[in-house]
Amino acid sequence: MAKLEQTIRGDFNQILNKIQSGIINGSMSASLEASSDFHSGGARCSVRVFERFSWAGSNRVSLTVTLFQNGDDRVYLSAITAGGSQAMFFKVNTWGEEAFLDKLRELI
């Protein structure tokens, strides 16, 4: 599992659209598996779950991106990858997870 947390300044919708289109268009095998959006008062939260095939690991990896904003221009991002291991009882070969997260780093 790899994780990235960061605060971004900007328009929530623009950031979300840039991430979503950048991840999907950044890999032939990337897909949006699920999404969820919440609004309450001045707060917003959007969750996106992406999946793609990792050539390095010969398996599929997922990337969950959560954006949260509470009324101002700060957007909080949390991104976590999973599924990049080939072992049964412990994690080995997590290159695919890191590569998926690197794509998100490029976008933000």
PDB file of N, CA and C in Angstrom:
ATOM      1  N   MET A   1       0.851  -1.167   0.000  1.00  0.00           N
ATOM      2  CA  MET A   1       0.000   0.000   0.000  1.00  0.00           C
ATOM      3  C   MET A   1       0.896   1.227   0.000  1.00  0.00           C
ATOM      4  N   ALA A   2       0.553   2.193  -0.834  1.00  0.00           N
ATOM      5  CA  ALA A   2       1.239   3.475  -0.885  1.00  0.00           C
ATOM      6  C   ALA A   2       0.207   4.556  -0.616  1.00  0.00           C
ATOM      7  N   LYS A   3       0.649   5.651   0.003  1.00  0.00           N
ATOM      8  CA  LYS A   3      -0.294   6.692   0.396  1.00  0.00           C
ATOM      9  C   LYS A   3       0.295   8.068   0.114  1.00  0.00           C
ATOM     10  N   LEU A   4      -0.586   8.990  -0.289  1.00  0.00           N
ATOM     11  CA  LEU A   4      -0.222  10.383  -0.514  1.00  0.00           C
ATOM     12  C   LEU A   4      -1.294  11.255   0.116  1.00  0.00           C
ATOM     13  N   GLU A   5      -0.872  12.225   0.928  1.00  0.00           N
ATOM     14  CA  GLU A   5      -1.801  13.204   1.480  1.00  0.00           C
ATOM     15  C   GLU A   5      -1.229  14.582   1.229  1.00  0.00           C
ATOM     16  N   GLN A   6      -2.103  15.490   0.778  1.00  0.00           N
ATOM     17  CA  GLN A   6      -1.631  16.809   0.388  1.00  0.00           C
ATOM     18  C   GLN A   6      -2.774  17.809   0.445  1.00  0.00           C
ATOM     19  N   THR A   7      -2.433  19.071   0.698  1.00  0.00           N
ATOM     20  CA  THR A   7      -3.400  20.161   0.619  1.00  0.00           C
ATOM     21  C   THR A   7      -3.155  20.908  -0.669  1.00  0.00           C
ATOM     22  N   ILE A   8      -4.227  21.154  -1.419  1.00  0.00           N
ATOM     23  CA  ILE A   8      -4.147  21.824  -2.717  1.00  0.00           C
ATOM     24  C   ILE A   8      -5.044  23.051  -2.661  1.00  0.00           C
ATOM     25  N   ARG A   9      -4.615  24.130  -3.265  1.00  0.00           N
ATOM     26  CA  ARG A   9      -5.473  25.311  -3.376  1.00  0.00           C
ATOM     27  C   ARG A   9      -6.023  25.371  -4.790  1.00  0.00           C
ATOM     28  N   GLY A  10      -7.318  25.661  -4.901  1.00  0.00           N
ATOM     29  CA  GLY A  10      -7.918  25.768  -6.218  1.00  0.00           C
ATOM     30  C   GLY A  10      -9.380  25.392  -6.206  1.00  0.00           C
ATOM     31  N   ASP A  11      -9.949  25.370  -7.387  1.00  0.00           N
ATOM     32  CA  ASP A  11     -11.352  25.027  -7.570  1.00  0.00           C
ATOM     33  C   ASP A  11     -11.549  23.519  -7.434  1.00  0.00           C
ATOM     34  N   PHE A  12     -12.426  23.128  -6.538  1.00  0.00           N
ATOM     35  CA  PHE A  12     -12.679  21.715  -6.241  1.00  0.00           C
ATOM     36  C   PHE A  12     -13.017  20.935  -7.506  1.00  0.00           C
ATOM     37  N   ASN A  13     -13.971  21.441  -8.293  1.00  0.00           N
ATOM     38  CA  ASN A  13     -14.402  20.727  -9.505  1.00  0.00           C
ATOM     39  C   ASN A  13     -13.281  20.585 -10.519  1.00  0.00           C
ATOM     40  N   GLN A  14     -12.474  21.621 -10.686  1.00  0.00           N
ATOM     41  CA  GLN A  14     -11.368  21.553 -11.635  1.00  0.00           C
ATOM     42  C   GLN A  14     -10.332  20.523 -11.198  1.00  0.00           C
ATOM     43  N   ILE A  15     -10.034  20.507  -9.902  1.00  0.00           N
ATOM     44  CA  ILE A  15      -9.068  19.532  -9.386  1.00  0.00           C
ATOM     45  C   ILE A  15      -9.597  18.116  -9.586  1.00  0.00           C
ATOM     46  N   LEU A  16     -10.855  17.885  -9.227  1.00  0.00           N
ATOM     47  CA  LEU A  16     -11.459  16.561  -9.375  1.00  0.00           C
ATOM     48  C   LEU A  16     -11.469  16.125 -10.843  1.00  0.00           C
ATOM     49  N   ASN A  17     -11.874  17.005 -11.739  1.00  0.00           N
ATOM     50  CA  ASN A  17     -11.911  16.666 -13.165  1.00  0.00           C
ATOM     51  C   ASN A  17     -10.523  16.374 -13.721  1.00  0.00           C
ATOM     52  N   LYS A  18      -9.526  17.159 -13.289  1.00  0.00           N
ATOM     53  CA  LYS A  18      -8.157  16.939 -13.762  1.00  0.00           C
ATOM     54  C   LYS A  18      -7.639  15.577 -13.310  1.00  0.00           C
ATOM     55  N   ILE A  19      -7.897  15.232 -12.058  1.00  0.00           N
ATOM     56  CA  ILE A  19      -7.465  13.932 -11.541  1.00  0.00           C
ATOM     57  C   ILE A  19      -8.182  12.802 -12.268  1.00  0.00           C
ATOM     58  N   GLN A  20      -9.505  12.898 -12.369  1.00  0.00           N
ATOM     59  CA  GLN A  20     -10.280  11.821 -12.982  1.00  0.00           C
ATOM     60  C   GLN A  20      -9.893  11.609 -14.440  1.00  0.00           C
ATOM     61  N   SER A  21      -9.838  12.654 -15.220  1.00  0.00           N
ATOM     62  CA  SER A  21      -9.490  12.484 -16.635  1.00  0.00           C
ATOM     63  C   SER A  21      -8.026  12.098 -16.804  1.00  0.00           C
ATOM     64  N   GLY A  22      -7.150  12.635 -15.957  1.00  0.00           N
ATOM     65  CA  GLY A  22      -5.732  12.312 -16.058  1.00  0.00           C
ATOM     66  C   GLY A  22      -5.435  10.862 -15.737  1.00  0.00           C
ATOM     67  N   ILE A  23      -6.096  10.306 -14.746  1.00  0.00           N
ATOM     68  CA  ILE A  23      -5.886   8.898 -14.395  1.00  0.00           C
ATOM     69  C   ILE A  23      -6.441   7.989 -15.485  1.00  0.00           C
ATOM     70  N   ILE A  24      -7.646   8.263 -15.928  1.00  0.00           N
ATOM     71  CA  ILE A  24      -8.271   7.407 -16.944  1.00  0.00           C
ATOM     72  C   ILE A  24      -7.522   7.484 -18.276  1.00  0.00           C
ATOM     73  N   ASN A  25      -7.104   8.683 -18.671  1.00  0.00           N
ATOM     74  CA  ASN A  25      -6.396   8.848 -19.941  1.00  0.00           C
ATOM     75  C   ASN A  25      -4.911   8.539 -19.837  1.00  0.00           C
ATOM     76  N   GLY A  26      -4.415   8.318 -18.612  1.00  0.00           N
ATOM     77  CA  GLY A  26      -2.990   8.080 -18.417  1.00  0.00           C
ATOM     78  C   GLY A  26      -2.568   6.632 -18.560  1.00  0.00           C
ATOM     79  N   SER A  27      -3.512   5.736 -18.754  1.00  0.00           N
ATOM     80  CA  SER A  27      -3.197   4.320 -18.888  1.00  0.00           C
ATOM     81  C   SER A  27      -4.272   3.645 -19.720  1.00  0.00           C
ATOM     82  N   MET A  28      -3.852   2.765 -20.616  1.00  0.00           N
ATOM     83  CA  MET A  28      -4.817   2.052 -21.459  1.00  0.00           C
ATOM     84  C   MET A  28      -5.777   1.210 -20.643  1.00  0.00           C
ATOM     85  N   SER A  29      -5.312   0.702 -19.500  1.00  0.00           N
ATOM     86  CA  SER A  29      -6.141  -0.220 -18.731  1.00  0.00           C
ATOM     87  C   SER A  29      -6.843   0.438 -17.541  1.00  0.00           C
ATOM     88  N   ALA A  30      -6.658   1.752 -17.355  1.00  0.00           N
ATOM     89  CA  ALA A  30      -7.268   2.426 -16.204  1.00  0.00           C
ATOM     90  C   ALA A  30      -8.766   2.600 -16.397  1.00  0.00           C
ATOM     91  N   SER A  31      -9.493   2.410 -15.299  1.00  0.00           N
ATOM     92  CA  SER A  31     -10.946   2.592 -15.336  1.00  0.00           C
ATOM     93  C   SER A  31     -11.408   3.178 -14.007  1.00  0.00           C
ATOM     94  N   LEU A  32     -12.535   3.879 -14.057  1.00  0.00           N
ATOM     95  CA  LEU A  32     -13.187   4.374 -12.859  1.00  0.00           C
ATOM     96  C   LEU A  32     -14.142   3.287 -12.397  1.00  0.00           C
ATOM     97  N   GLU A  33     -13.891   2.712 -11.231  1.00  0.00           N
ATOM     98  CA  GLU A  33     -14.687   1.597 -10.737  1.00  0.00           C
ATOM     99  C   GLU A  33     -15.886   2.046  -9.915  1.00  0.00           C
ATOM    100  N   ALA A  34     -15.729   3.130  -9.167  1.00  0.00           N
ATOM    101  CA  ALA A  34     -16.823   3.623  -8.331  1.00  0.00           C
ATOM    102  C   ALA A  34     -16.553   5.069  -7.954  1.00  0.00           C
ATOM    103  N   SER A  35     -17.644   5.779  -7.637  1.00  0.00           N
ATOM    104  CA  SER A  35     -17.500   7.173  -7.198  1.00  0.00           C
ATOM    105  C   SER A  35     -18.593   7.499  -6.196  1.00  0.00           C
ATOM    106  N   SER A  36     -18.322   8.497  -5.357  1.00  0.00           N
ATOM    107  CA  SER A  36     -19.279   8.931  -4.357  1.00  0.00           C
ATOM    108  C   SER A  36     -19.034  10.404  -4.068  1.00  0.00           C
ATOM    109  N   ASP A  37     -20.115  11.165  -3.914  1.00  0.00           N
ATOM    110  CA  ASP A  37     -20.018  12.595  -3.651  1.00  0.00           C
ATOM    111  C   ASP A  37     -20.973  12.973  -2.528  1.00  0.00           C
ATOM    112  N   PHE A  38     -20.480  13.767  -1.576  1.00  0.00           N
ATOM    113  CA  PHE A  38     -21.277  14.242  -0.454  1.00  0.00           C
ATOM    114  C   PHE A  38     -21.177  15.748  -0.357  1.00  0.00           C
ATOM    115  N   HIS A  39     -22.275  16.403  -0.009  1.00  0.00           N
ATOM    116  CA  HIS A  39     -22.330  17.843   0.234  1.00  0.00           C
ATOM    117  C   HIS A  39     -23.110  18.061   1.523  1.00  0.00           C
ATOM    118  N   SER A  40     -22.596  18.927   2.384  1.00  0.00           N
ATOM    119  CA  SER A  40     -23.324  19.290   3.590  1.00  0.00           C
ATOM    120  C   SER A  40     -22.898  20.690   4.001  1.00  0.00           C
ATOM    121  N   GLY A  41     -23.831  21.632   3.915  1.00  0.00           N
ATOM    122  CA  GLY A  41     -23.469  23.016   4.195  1.00  0.00           C
ATOM    123  C   GLY A  41     -22.395  23.474   3.228  1.00  0.00           C
ATOM    124  N   GLY A  42     -21.293  23.958   3.754  1.00  0.00           N
ATOM    125  CA  GLY A  42     -20.180  24.394   2.907  1.00  0.00           C
ATOM    126  C   GLY A  42     -19.134  23.326   2.684  1.00  0.00           C
ATOM    127  N   ALA A  43     -19.371  22.108   3.152  1.00  0.00           N
ATOM    128  CA  ALA A  43     -18.389  21.029   3.018  1.00  0.00           C
ATOM    129  C   ALA A  43     -18.726  20.121   1.842  1.00  0.00           C
ATOM    130  N   ARG A  44     -17.659  19.625   1.200  1.00  0.00           N
ATOM    131  CA  ARG A  44     -17.805  18.679   0.083  1.00  0.00           C
ATOM    132  C   ARG A  44     -16.801  17.567   0.241  1.00  0.00           C
ATOM    133  N   CYS A  45     -17.195  16.397  -0.192  1.00  0.00           N
ATOM    134  CA  CYS A  45     -16.287  15.250  -0.186  1.00  0.00           C
ATOM    135  C   CYS A  45     -16.575  14.412  -1.432  1.00  0.00           C
ATOM    136  N   SER A  46     -15.535  14.096  -2.170  1.00  0.00           N
ATOM    137  CA  SER A  46     -15.665  13.225  -3.345  1.00  0.00           C
ATOM    138  C   SER A  46     -14.659  12.097  -3.230  1.00  0.00           C
ATOM    139  N   VAL A  47     -15.128  10.890  -3.537  1.00  0.00           N
ATOM    140  CA  VAL A  47     -14.278   9.706  -3.503  1.00  0.00           C
ATOM    141  C   VAL A  47     -14.321   9.059  -4.885  1.00  0.00           C
ATOM    142  N   ARG A  48     -13.150   8.702  -5.397  1.00  0.00           N
ATOM    143  CA  ARG A  48     -13.047   8.011  -6.681  1.00  0.00           C
ATOM    144  C   ARG A  48     -12.162   6.787  -6.494  1.00  0.00           C
ATOM    145  N   VAL A  49     -12.611   5.650  -7.025  1.00  0.00           N
ATOM    146  CA  VAL A  49     -11.825   4.419  -6.974  1.00  0.00           C
ATOM    147  C   VAL A  49     -11.491   4.029  -8.410  1.00  0.00           C
ATOM    148  N   PHE A  50     -10.202   3.995  -8.691  1.00  0.00           N
ATOM    149  CA  PHE A  50      -9.699   3.645 -10.017  1.00  0.00           C
ATOM    150  C   PHE A  50      -9.001   2.292  -9.936  1.00  0.00           C
ATOM    151  N   GLU A  51      -8.919   1.634 -11.083  1.00  0.00           N
ATOM    152  CA  GLU A  51      -8.199   0.367 -11.160  1.00  0.00           C
ATOM    153  C   GLU A  51      -7.461   0.329 -12.489  1.00  0.00           C
ATOM    154  N   ARG A  52      -6.317  -0.331 -12.487  1.00  0.00           N
ATOM    155  CA  ARG A  52      -5.573  -0.530 -13.729  1.00  0.00           C
ATOM    156  C   ARG A  52      -4.701  -1.765 -13.616  1.00  0.00           C
ATOM    157  N   PHE A  53      -4.251  -2.244 -14.765  1.00  0.00           N
ATOM    158  CA  PHE A  53      -3.350  -3.391 -14.799  1.00  0.00           C
ATOM    159  C   PHE A  53      -1.927  -2.888 -14.627  1.00  0.00           C
ATOM    160  N   SER A  54      -1.163  -3.558 -13.789  1.00  0.00           N
ATOM    161  CA  SER A  54       0.244  -3.218 -13.571  1.00  0.00           C
ATOM    162  C   SER A  54       1.117  -4.219 -14.312  1.00  0.00           C
ATOM    163  N   TRP A  55       1.822  -3.742 -15.334  1.00  0.00           N
ATOM    164  CA  TRP A  55       2.725  -4.625 -16.077  1.00  0.00           C
ATOM    165  C   TRP A  55       3.871  -5.074 -15.190  1.00  0.00           C
ATOM    166  N   ALA A  56       4.337  -4.184 -14.306  1.00  0.00           N
ATOM    167  CA  ALA A  56       5.464  -4.526 -13.426  1.00  0.00           C
ATOM    168  C   ALA A  56       5.111  -5.671 -12.491  1.00  0.00           C
ATOM    169  N   GLY A  57       3.897  -5.671 -11.981  1.00  0.00           N
ATOM    170  CA  GLY A  57       3.483  -6.704 -11.030  1.00  0.00           C
ATOM    171  C   GLY A  57       2.652  -7.803 -11.637  1.00  0.00           C
ATOM    172  N   SER A  58       2.281  -7.653 -12.894  1.00  0.00           N
ATOM    173  CA  SER A  58       1.404  -8.611 -13.572  1.00  0.00           C
ATOM    174  C   SER A  58       0.111  -8.845 -12.792  1.00  0.00           C
ATOM    175  N   ASN A  59      -0.469  -7.761 -12.289  1.00  0.00           N
ATOM    176  CA  ASN A  59      -1.720  -7.853 -11.535  1.00  0.00           C
ATOM    177  C   ASN A  59      -2.463  -6.522 -11.645  1.00  0.00           C
ATOM    178  N   ARG A  60      -3.634  -6.442 -11.050  1.00  0.00           N
ATOM    179  CA  ARG A  60      -4.405  -5.207 -11.058  1.00  0.00           C
ATOM    180  C   ARG A  60      -4.198  -4.489  -9.737  1.00  0.00           C
ATOM    181  N   VAL A  61      -4.133  -3.167  -9.814  1.00  0.00           N
ATOM    182  CA  VAL A  61      -3.986  -2.341  -8.616  1.00  0.00           C
ATOM    183  C   VAL A  61      -5.106  -1.314  -8.594  1.00  0.00           C
ATOM    184  N   SER A  62      -5.472  -0.894  -7.386  1.00  0.00           N
ATOM    185  CA  SER A  62      -6.513   0.126  -7.258  1.00  0.00           C
ATOM    186  C   SER A  62      -5.913   1.388  -6.636  1.00  0.00           C
ATOM    187  N   LEU A  63      -6.558   2.495  -6.932  1.00  0.00           N
ATOM    188  CA  LEU A  63      -6.195   3.796  -6.379  1.00  0.00           C
ATOM    189  C   LEU A  63      -7.485   4.456  -5.913  1.00  0.00           C
ATOM    190  N   THR A  64      -7.559   4.756  -4.624  1.00  0.00           N
ATOM    191  CA  THR A  64      -8.713   5.458  -4.075  1.00  0.00           C
ATOM    192  C   THR A  64      -8.294   6.885  -3.774  1.00  0.00           C
ATOM    193  N   VAL A  65      -9.005   7.838  -4.364  1.00  0.00           N
ATOM    194  CA  VAL A  65      -8.713   9.263  -4.185  1.00  0.00           C
ATOM    195  C   VAL A  65      -9.895   9.906  -3.473  1.00  0.00           C
ATOM    196  N   THR A  66      -9.607  10.595  -2.370  1.00  0.00           N
ATOM    197  CA  THR A  66     -10.624  11.329  -1.629  1.00  0.00           C
ATOM    198  C   THR A  66     -10.243  12.801  -1.619  1.00  0.00           C
ATOM    199  N   LEU A  67     -11.180  13.652  -2.022  1.00  0.00           N
ATOM    200  CA  LEU A  67     -11.015  15.104  -1.939  1.00  0.00           C
ATOM    201  C   LEU A  67     -12.027  15.639  -0.941  1.00  0.00           C
ATOM    202  N   PHE A  68     -11.572  16.556  -0.076  1.00  0.00           N
ATOM    203  CA  PHE A  68     -12.453  17.159   0.923  1.00  0.00           C
ATOM    204  C   PHE A  68     -12.207  18.658   0.953  1.00  0.00           C
ATOM    205  N   GLN A  69     -13.286  19.422   1.017  1.00  0.00           N
ATOM    206  CA  GLN A  69     -13.197  20.885   1.114  1.00  0.00           C
ATOM    207  C   GLN A  69     -14.266  21.370   2.070  1.00  0.00           C
ATOM    208  N   ASN A  70     -13.897  22.340   2.916  1.00  0.00           N
ATOM    209  CA  ASN A  70     -14.844  22.869   3.892  1.00  0.00           C
ATOM    210  C   ASN A  70     -14.943  24.381   3.773  1.00  0.00           C
ATOM    211  N   GLY A  71     -15.486  24.863   2.674  1.00  0.00           N
ATOM    212  CA  GLY A  71     -15.834  26.265   2.534  1.00  0.00           C
ATOM    213  C   GLY A  71     -14.774  27.203   2.008  1.00  0.00           C
ATOM    214  N   ASP A  72     -13.496  26.914   2.156  1.00  0.00           N
ATOM    215  CA  ASP A  72     -12.490  27.829   1.630  1.00  0.00           C
ATOM    216  C   ASP A  72     -11.838  27.227   0.396  1.00  0.00           C
ATOM    217  N   ASP A  73     -10.699  27.757  -0.019  1.00  0.00           N
ATOM    218  CA  ASP A  73     -10.092  27.265  -1.251  1.00  0.00           C
ATOM    219  C   ASP A  73      -9.095  26.125  -1.018  1.00  0.00           C
ATOM    220  N   ARG A  74      -8.974  25.645   0.204  1.00  0.00           N
ATOM    221  CA  ARG A  74      -8.094  24.506   0.467  1.00  0.00           C
ATOM    222  C   ARG A  74      -8.850  23.204   0.207  1.00  0.00           C
ATOM    223  N   VAL A  75      -8.251  22.369  -0.609  1.00  0.00           N
ATOM    224  CA  VAL A  75      -8.810  21.052  -0.914  1.00  0.00           C
ATOM    225  C   VAL A  75      -7.838  20.026  -0.361  1.00  0.00           C
ATOM    226  N   TYR A  76      -8.341  19.160   0.479  1.00  0.00           N
ATOM    227  CA  TYR A  76      -7.509  18.122   1.086  1.00  0.00           C
ATOM    228  C   TYR A  76      -7.620  16.854   0.259  1.00  0.00           C
ATOM    229  N   LEU A  77      -6.481  16.298  -0.099  1.00  0.00           N
ATOM    230  CA  LEU A  77      -6.420  15.098  -0.917  1.00  0.00           C
ATOM    231  C   LEU A  77      -5.813  13.961  -0.106  1.00  0.00           C
ATOM    232  N   SER A  78      -6.444  12.814  -0.170  1.00  0.00           N
ATOM    233  CA  SER A  78      -5.884  11.583   0.376  1.00  0.00           C
ATOM    234  C   SER A  78      -6.001  10.523  -0.709  1.00  0.00           C
ATOM    235  N   ALA A  79      -4.884   9.890  -1.035  1.00  0.00           N
ATOM    236  CA  ALA A  79      -4.872   8.862  -2.076  1.00  0.00           C
ATOM    237  C   ALA A  79      -4.160   7.628  -1.549  1.00  0.00           C
ATOM    238  N   ILE A  80      -4.789   6.472  -1.718  1.00  0.00           N
ATOM    239  CA  ILE A  80      -4.235   5.216  -1.217  1.00  0.00           C
ATOM    240  C   ILE A  80      -4.356   4.155  -2.306  1.00  0.00           C
ATOM    241  N   THR A  81      -3.264   3.446  -2.545  1.00  0.00           N
ATOM    242  CA  THR A  81      -3.268   2.352  -3.514  1.00  0.00           C
ATOM    243  C   THR A  81      -3.348   1.017  -2.782  1.00  0.00           C
ATOM    244  N   ALA A  82      -3.813  -0.004  -3.485  1.00  0.00           N
ATOM    245  CA  ALA A  82      -3.886  -1.346  -2.908  1.00  0.00           C
ATOM    246  C   ALA A  82      -3.897  -2.379  -4.025  1.00  0.00           C
ATOM    247  N   GLY A  83      -3.562  -3.602  -3.657  1.00  0.00           N
ATOM    248  CA  GLY A  83      -3.687  -4.723  -4.591  1.00  0.00           C
ATOM    249  C   GLY A  83      -2.449  -5.042  -5.384  1.00  0.00           C
ATOM    250  N   GLY A  84      -1.341  -4.405  -5.107  1.00  0.00           N
ATOM    251  CA  GLY A  84      -0.150  -4.604  -5.930  1.00  0.00           C
ATOM    252  C   GLY A  84       0.789  -5.688  -5.470  1.00  0.00           C
ATOM    253  N   SER A  85       0.343  -6.575  -4.613  1.00  0.00           N
ATOM    254  CA  SER A  85       1.235  -7.614  -4.102  1.00  0.00           C
ATOM    255  C   SER A  85       0.915  -8.959  -4.737  1.00  0.00           C
ATOM    256  N   GLN A  86       1.945  -9.786  -4.847  1.00  0.00           N
ATOM    257  CA  GLN A  86       1.749 -11.119  -5.418  1.00  0.00           C
ATOM    258  C   GLN A  86       1.823 -12.223  -4.377  1.00  0.00           C
ATOM    259  N   ALA A  87       2.179 -11.895  -3.163  1.00  0.00           N
ATOM    260  CA  ALA A  87       2.345 -12.923  -2.140  1.00  0.00           C
ATOM    261  C   ALA A  87       1.030 -13.188  -1.413  1.00  0.00           C
ATOM    262  N   MET A  88       0.937 -14.337  -0.762  1.00  0.00           N
ATOM    263  CA  MET A  88      -0.286 -14.704  -0.070  1.00  0.00           C
ATOM    264  C   MET A  88      -0.348 -14.125   1.346  1.00  0.00           C
ATOM    265  N   PHE A  89       0.773 -14.087   2.061  1.00  0.00           N
ATOM    266  CA  PHE A  89       0.739 -13.705   3.458  1.00  0.00           C
ATOM    267  C   PHE A  89       1.466 -12.406   3.782  1.00  0.00           C
ATOM    268  N   PHE A  90       2.216 -11.838   2.853  1.00  0.00           N
ATOM    269  CA  PHE A  90       2.917 -10.577   3.095  1.00  0.00           C
ATOM    270  C   PHE A  90       3.085  -9.842   1.777  1.00  0.00           C
ATOM    271  N   LYS A  91       3.439  -8.562   1.860  1.00  0.00           N
ATOM    272  CA  LYS A  91       3.519  -7.727   0.661  1.00  0.00           C
ATOM    273  C   LYS A  91       4.885  -7.858  -0.011  1.00  0.00           C
ATOM    274  N   VAL A  92       4.874  -8.212  -1.278  1.00  0.00           N
ATOM    275  CA  VAL A  92       6.078  -8.160  -2.109  1.00  0.00           C
ATOM    276  C   VAL A  92       5.683  -7.553  -3.441  1.00  0.00           C
ATOM    277  N   ASN A  93       6.629  -6.930  -4.089  1.00  0.00           N
ATOM    278  CA  ASN A  93       6.423  -6.371  -5.420  1.00  0.00           C
ATOM    279  C   ASN A  93       5.287  -5.350  -5.431  1.00  0.00           C
ATOM    280  N   THR A  94       5.511  -4.215  -4.815  1.00  0.00           N
ATOM    281  CA  THR A  94       4.498  -3.150  -4.786  1.00  0.00           C
ATOM    282  C   THR A  94       4.816  -2.046  -5.796  1.00  0.00           C
ATOM    283  N   TRP A  95       5.610  -2.351  -6.809  1.00  0.00           N
ATOM    284  CA  TRP A  95       5.980  -1.351  -7.811  1.00  0.00           C
ATOM    285  C   TRP A  95       4.761  -0.779  -8.518  1.00  0.00           C
ATOM    286  N   GLY A  96       3.795  -1.611  -8.813  1.00  0.00           N
ATOM    287  CA  GLY A  96       2.593  -1.149  -9.514  1.00  0.00           C
ATOM    288  C   GLY A  96       1.821  -0.126  -8.714  1.00  0.00           C
ATOM    289  N   GLU A  97       1.761  -0.310  -7.399  1.00  0.00           N
ATOM    290  CA  GLU A  97       1.081   0.653  -6.530  1.00  0.00           C
ATOM    291  C   GLU A  97       1.790   2.003  -6.562  1.00  0.00           C
ATOM    292  N   GLU A  98       3.110   1.977  -6.435  1.00  0.00           N
ATOM    293  CA  GLU A  98       3.884   3.225  -6.452  1.00  0.00           C
ATOM    294  C   GLU A  98       3.757   3.924  -7.803  1.00  0.00           C
ATOM    295  N   ALA A  99       3.766   3.166  -8.880  1.00  0.00           N
ATOM    296  CA  ALA A  99       3.651   3.753 -10.214  1.00  0.00           C
ATOM    297  C   ALA A  99       2.292   4.422 -10.402  1.00  0.00           C
ATOM    298  N   PHE A 100       1.239   3.817  -9.873  1.00  0.00           N
ATOM    299  CA  PHE A 100      -0.104   4.384  -9.973  1.00  0.00           C
ATOM    300  C   PHE A 100      -0.165   5.703  -9.194  1.00  0.00           C
ATOM    301  N   LEU A 101       0.436   5.722  -8.016  1.00  0.00           N
ATOM    302  CA  LEU A 101       0.456   6.924  -7.209  1.00  0.00           C
ATOM    303  C   LEU A 101       1.336   8.004  -7.854  1.00  0.00           C
ATOM    304  N   ASP A 102       2.396   7.603  -8.522  1.00  0.00           N
ATOM    305  CA  ASP A 102       3.259   8.568  -9.228  1.00  0.00           C
ATOM    306  C   ASP A 102       2.480   9.301 -10.314  1.00  0.00           C
ATOM    307  N   LYS A 103       1.572   8.606 -10.980  1.00  0.00           N
ATOM    308  CA  LYS A 103       0.742   9.257 -11.999  1.00  0.00           C
ATOM    309  C   LYS A 103      -0.106  10.364 -11.377  1.00  0.00           C
ATOM    310  N   LEU A 104      -0.653  10.104 -10.202  1.00  0.00           N
ATOM    311  CA  LEU A 104      -1.431  11.130  -9.498  1.00  0.00           C
ATOM    312  C   LEU A 104      -0.539  12.300  -9.097  1.00  0.00           C
ATOM    313  N   ARG A 105       0.673  12.012  -8.623  1.00  0.00           N
ATOM    314  CA  ARG A 105       1.615  13.082  -8.256  1.00  0.00           C
ATOM    315  C   ARG A 105       1.884  14.005  -9.445  1.00  0.00           C
ATOM    316  N   GLU A 106       2.022  13.427 -10.637  1.00  0.00           N
ATOM    317  CA  GLU A 106       2.237  14.216 -11.853  1.00  0.00           C
ATOM    318  C   GLU A 106       1.059  15.173 -12.100  1.00  0.00           C
ATOM    319  N   LEU A 107      -0.142  14.703 -11.846  1.00  0.00           N
ATOM    320  CA  LEU A 107      -1.344  15.486 -12.126  1.00  0.00           C
ATOM    321  C   LEU A 107      -1.526  16.649 -11.169  1.00  0.00           C
ATOM    322  N   ILE A 108      -1.105  16.487  -9.911  1.00  0.00           N
ATOM    323  CA  ILE A 108      -1.312  17.558  -8.944  1.00  0.00           C
ATOM    324  C   ILE A 108      -0.033  18.348  -8.743  1.00  0.00           C
TER     325      ILE A 108
END
